[in-house]
Protein backbone atom coordinates (compact mmCIF):
# COMPACT_ATOMS: atom_id res chain seq x y z
CA MET A 1 -0.06 -0.11 0.37
CA LEU A 2 1.57 3.68 -0.54
CA THR A 3 1.42 5.51 2.45
CA TYR A 4 1.71 9.30 3.56
CA HIS A 5 5.07 11.04 4.92
CA LYS A 6 4.06 14.21 6.55
CA LYS A 7 7.52 15.78 5.76
CA ILE A 8 7.04 15.28 1.83
CA THR A 9 5.90 17.80 -0.30
CA ARG A 10 2.12 17.27 -1.53
CA GLN A 11 1.41 15.85 -4.44
CA ARG A 12 -0.31 16.64 -7.29
CA THR A 13 -2.41 15.90 -10.62
CA ASN A 14 -0.64 16.06 -14.22
CA LYS A 15 -2.37 17.13 -17.39
CA SER A 16 -2.79 12.96 -18.39
CA GLY A 17 -4.91 12.75 -14.89
CA ASN A 18 -1.98 10.71 -13.25
CA ARG A 19 -0.91 11.46 -9.78
CA CYS A 20 3.25 12.98 -9.18
CA CYS A 21 4.99 13.12 -6.44
CA LYS A 22 8.59 12.94 -5.06
CA LYS A 23 8.58 9.70 -2.81
CA VAL A 24 6.75 6.72 -2.72
CA ILE A 25 6.86 4.20 0.24
CA PHE A 26 5.42 0.68 -0.52
CA LYS A 27 3.73 -1.29 2.75
CA ARG A 28 3.29 -5.18 2.39
CA LEU A 29 -0.17 -5.76 0.36
CA ILE A 30 -2.90 -7.00 2.62
CA MET A 31 -3.69 -10.32 1.27
CA LYS A 32 -7.06 -9.52 -0.48
CA LEU A 33 -5.02 -7.52 -3.39
CA ASN A 34 -2.45 -10.22 -4.38
CA LYS A 35 -4.83 -12.84 -5.49
CA HIS A 36 -4.47 -12.50 -8.89
CA LEU A 37 -2.14 -13.28 -11.48
CA ARG A 38 -2.98 -10.51 -14.02
CA PRO A 39 -0.21 -9.25 -16.55
CA LEU A 40 0.53 -5.69 -16.95
CA TYR A 41 -1.76 -3.65 -19.46
CA VAL A 42 -1.86 -0.06 -20.10
CA LYS A 43 -3.33 2.19 -22.93
CA ALA A 44 -0.82 4.64 -25.09
CA LEU A 45 -0.61 6.85 -28.05
CA VAL A 46 1.24 4.94 -30.73
CA ASP A 47 2.08 7.49 -33.31
CA GLY A 48 -0.37 9.75 -31.83
CA ILE A 49 -3.20 6.77 -32.10
CA PRO A 50 -5.07 5.21 -29.02
CA VAL A 51 -4.12 1.81 -28.60
CA ALA A 52 -5.22 -0.58 -25.92
CA LYS A 53 -3.83 -3.82 -24.98
CA VAL A 54 -0.44 -2.46 -24.62
CA LEU A 55 1.45 -5.20 -22.90
CA VAL A 56 4.69 -4.07 -20.27
CA ASP A 57 6.49 -7.18 -20.36
CA ASN A 58 9.88 -7.08 -17.51
CA GLY A 59 10.00 -10.53 -19.07
CA ALA A 60 10.61 -9.81 -23.14
CA ALA A 61 14.11 -8.08 -23.84
CA ILE A 62 12.87 -6.20 -26.63
CA ASN A 63 9.75 -4.79 -28.20
CA THR A 64 7.35 -6.53 -30.42
CA ILE A 65 4.21 -5.73 -32.59
CA PRO A 66 2.21 -7.94 -34.52
CA SER A 67 2.28 -7.04 -38.57
CA ARG A 68 -1.95 -6.80 -38.25
CA MET A 69 -1.14 -3.70 -36.53
CA MET A 70 0.68 -1.74 -39.06
CA ARG A 71 -2.91 -0.90 -41.24
CA LYS A 72 -3.68 0.69 -38.02
CA PHE A 73 -0.73 2.97 -38.12
CA ALA A 74 -0.89 3.32 -41.92
CA LYS A 75 2.27 1.21 -42.32
CA THR A 76 3.40 -0.55 -45.14
CA GLU A 77 6.79 -3.39 -45.09
CA SER A 78 8.21 -0.11 -47.11
CA ASP A 79 8.38 1.74 -44.33
CA MET A 80 10.30 -1.22 -41.97
CA ILE A 81 13.85 -2.11 -41.55
CA PRO A 82 15.16 -4.77 -43.03
CA THR A 83 16.59 -7.37 -40.47
CA GLU A 84 17.30 -10.81 -40.41
CA VAL A 85 17.31 -11.41 -36.90
CA ILE A 86 14.84 -14.21 -35.41
CA LEU A 87 13.00 -14.57 -32.39
CA THR A 88 13.22 -17.30 -29.81
CA SER A 89 10.22 -17.51 -27.08
CA PHE A 90 11.00 -19.14 -24.01
CA ASN A 91 9.79 -22.75 -25.26
CA GLY A 92 12.52 -22.56 -27.82
CA GLY A 93 10.17 -21.85 -30.80
CA ALA A 94 11.91 -19.49 -33.36
CA THR A 95 9.71 -16.83 -35.07
CA SER A 96 10.98 -14.57 -38.21
CA VAL A 97 10.52 -11.06 -37.75
CA LYS A 98 9.28 -8.99 -40.87
CA GLY A 99 11.48 -5.61 -40.43
CA VAL A 100 12.00 -3.25 -38.08
CA MET A 101 9.53 -0.18 -37.12
CA PRO A 102 10.54 2.63 -35.08
CA LEU A 103 7.08 4.41 -33.69
CA ASP A 104 6.74 6.92 -31.21
CA ILE A 105 5.38 5.64 -27.79
CA THR A 106 3.16 7.86 -25.27
CA ILE A 107 2.29 6.61 -21.87
CA GLY A 108 1.20 9.19 -19.23
CA THR A 109 3.06 11.97 -20.33
CA THR A 110 6.37 10.31 -21.16
CA ASN A 111 6.81 10.57 -24.78
CA ARG A 112 9.48 8.14 -26.66
CA THR A 113 10.49 7.03 -30.19
CA THR A 114 11.61 3.34 -29.68
CA VAL A 115 11.77 0.42 -32.11
CA PHE A 116 9.89 -2.67 -32.47
CA PHE A 117 10.04 -5.75 -34.38
CA VAL A 118 7.29 -6.71 -36.66
CA ILE A 119 6.15 -10.11 -36.16
CA ASP A 120 3.78 -12.29 -37.94
CA GLY A 121 1.09 -14.92 -35.67
CA PHE A 122 -1.60 -14.19 -33.36
CA THR A 123 -1.35 -12.06 -30.35
CA SER A 124 -3.05 -11.45 -27.24
CA TYR A 125 -2.00 -7.73 -26.74
CA ASN A 126 -1.45 -5.07 -29.84
CA VAL A 127 1.73 -3.70 -28.98
CA LEU A 128 4.51 -5.25 -26.58
CA LEU A 129 6.94 -3.26 -24.40
CA GLY A 130 9.68 -4.86 -23.21
CA ARG A 131 12.93 -4.16 -21.06
CA TYR A 132 14.00 -2.01 -24.05
CA TRP A 133 11.70 0.24 -23.58
CA ILE A 134 11.49 -0.07 -19.92
CA HIS A 135 14.43 0.69 -19.25
CA GLY A 136 15.36 3.11 -21.50
CA SER A 137 12.43 4.71 -20.41
CA HIS A 138 13.13 5.06 -16.53
CA CYS A 139 10.03 3.26 -15.84
CA ILE A 140 9.16 0.73 -12.88
CA PRO A 141 6.00 -1.53 -13.79
CA LEU A 142 4.93 -3.30 -11.13
CA SER A 143 2.29 -6.44 -12.05
CA LEU A 144 1.67 -6.67 -8.27
CA HIS A 145 0.03 -3.49 -7.94
CA GLN A 146 -1.04 -2.94 -11.68
CA TYR A 147 0.51 0.47 -12.28
CA LEU A 148 3.52 1.72 -13.96
CA ILE A 149 6.17 4.81 -12.23
CA PHE A 150 7.95 6.75 -14.74
CA TRP A 151 10.68 10.40 -13.60
CA ASN A 152 9.18 12.63 -15.35
CA ASP A 153 11.62 15.61 -16.54
CA LYS A 154 10.52 18.00 -12.88
CA GLY A 155 12.15 14.71 -11.14
CA GLU A 156 8.77 14.03 -10.05
CA ALA A 157 7.33 10.05 -9.69
CA GLU A 158 4.41 10.03 -12.51
CA VAL A 159 1.99 6.97 -11.14
CA VAL A 160 -0.16 5.38 -13.84
CA GLN A 161 -2.83 2.92 -13.31
CA ALA A 162 -2.67 -0.20 -15.62
CA ASP A 163 -6.06 -1.16 -17.74
CA HIS A 164 -7.95 -3.46 -15.28
CA ARG A 165 -10.90 -4.15 -18.74
CA PRO A 166 -8.10 -4.69 -21.49
CA PHE A 167 -9.91 -7.62 -23.08
CA VAL A 168 -13.77 -7.06 -24.57
CA ALA A 169 -16.09 -9.67 -23.06
CA GLU A 170 -16.32 -11.85 -26.33
CA THR A 171 -12.62 -12.05 -26.82
CA ASN A 172 -11.72 -16.08 -26.38
CA SER A 173 -8.92 -15.37 -24.86
CA VAL A 174 -6.82 -17.28 -22.10
CA GLU A 175 -5.76 -13.75 -20.36
CA ARG A 176 -9.08 -12.61 -20.37
CA PHE A 177 -9.98 -15.02 -17.53
CA MET A 178 -7.54 -13.27 -15.29
CA TYR A 179 -10.18 -10.08 -15.40
CA GLU A 180 -13.03 -11.94 -14.34
CA GLY A 181 -12.52 -12.29 -11.29
CA ASN A 182 -12.77 -16.21 -11.05
CA TYR A 183 -9.26 -16.34 -11.75
CA GLY A 184 -6.67 -16.49 -9.56
CA PRO A 185 -3.03 -18.53 -8.07
CA VAL A 186 -3.03 -21.83 -8.43
CA ARG A 187 -2.60 -23.79 -4.61
CA VAL A 188 -1.43 -27.90 -4.01
CA VAL A 189 -4.03 -29.10 -1.56
CA ARG A 190 -2.80 -32.43 -0.27
CA ASP A 191 -5.19 -34.53 1.43
CA GLY A 192 -3.26 -37.73 2.75
CA LYS A 193 -2.09 -39.59 -0.53
CA GLU A 194 -3.88 -37.50 -3.06
CA THR A 195 -2.35 -34.36 -4.07
CA GLN A 196 -5.41 -31.61 -5.96
CA ILE A 197 -4.73 -28.43 -7.62
CA ILE A 198 -6.89 -26.09 -7.29
CA VAL A 199 -7.34 -22.47 -8.82
CA GLN A 200 -8.54 -19.95 -6.09
CA SER A 201 -11.10 -17.53 -7.37
CA GLU A 202 -9.75 -14.21 -7.16
CA GLU A 203 -12.11 -11.87 -4.55
CA PRO A 204 -15.08 -9.97 -6.57
CA PHE A 205 -13.71 -6.46 -5.06
CA LEU A 206 -10.20 -6.74 -6.43
CA VAL A 207 -10.78 -3.63 -8.37
CA ASP A 208 -12.68 -1.40 -5.67
CA ALA A 209 -9.59 -2.33 -3.36
CA LEU A 210 -7.08 -1.00 -6.19
CA THR A 211 -8.89 2.06 -6.51
CA GLU A 212 -9.30 2.82 -2.73
CA MET A 213 -5.86 2.19 -3.09
CA PHE A 214 -4.84 4.79 -5.28
CA SER A 215 -7.56 7.10 -3.75
CA GLN A 216 -5.18 6.85 -0.68
CA MET A 217 -1.56 8.24 -2.23
CA ARG A 218 0.39 10.08 -1.55
CA PRO A 219 3.35 12.06 -2.17
CA ASN A 220 5.99 9.05 -1.12
CA ILE A 221 8.77 8.18 -4.15
CA VAL A 222 12.22 7.84 -3.10
CA ALA A 223 14.36 7.93 -6.20
CA LEU A 224 16.85 5.11 -7.41
CA GLU A 225 19.93 5.28 -8.41
CA GLU A 226 20.36 4.61 -11.92
CA PRO A 227 22.83 1.83 -12.15
CA VAL A 228 26.15 1.80 -13.77
CA ILE A 229 26.36 -0.51 -16.87
CA GLY A 230 28.85 0.65 -18.46
CA LYS A 231 30.09 3.54 -21.51
CA ARG A 232 28.58 1.80 -24.54
CA VAL A 233 25.79 4.23 -25.68
CA ILE A 234 22.79 2.45 -27.94
CA LYS A 235 21.32 5.01 -30.39
CA GLU A 236 17.52 5.54 -30.52
CA PHE A 237 15.80 5.56 -33.96
């Protein structure tokens, strides 16, 4: 839970409607708030076009985007930068890349031009932002708390809340069920010699509890020291 420190300057709300503050202090979440398996989806502007189902994934090294989204951005293969890169998934499968596309991404007040690897195939997301964008944007993604933290140009921490309803009701996606209130952590129950796998139900008031948590947020964020990785600089497109 975000807590208040009386000696910290008051928080403010920026033009994007997000809270900005100097320090954030985390306390242990109550058990009712950690019983979910939701990924971290947000809404963003991509080249000035509103896009939902933007997945922020700290487990992915690079940014990817399905080729079906190119039409939405009025892009064609001639706009892509050729590449011979082949992506490998967590199960060792290989995916060819159609090309590389630089796109302008705006989340909250954070704007950054970054590169995406365009891929074919079905994806539950419209845009995937990996560590390439996360680290470059000085972003802290928190899937448990369901929000992002950015450091803006004023040295403040901007808090962007995740999208709690990224999937429409008719979507046939496993991830959709994580937002239906009946999908939660898996636990193993031992009854004598028998072992049973049970999917715990997510509390129906999870969204209300998260909303209440955000309403109680106060200006409390301790800036993290920027890690020293080396002197090599990768130039953005």
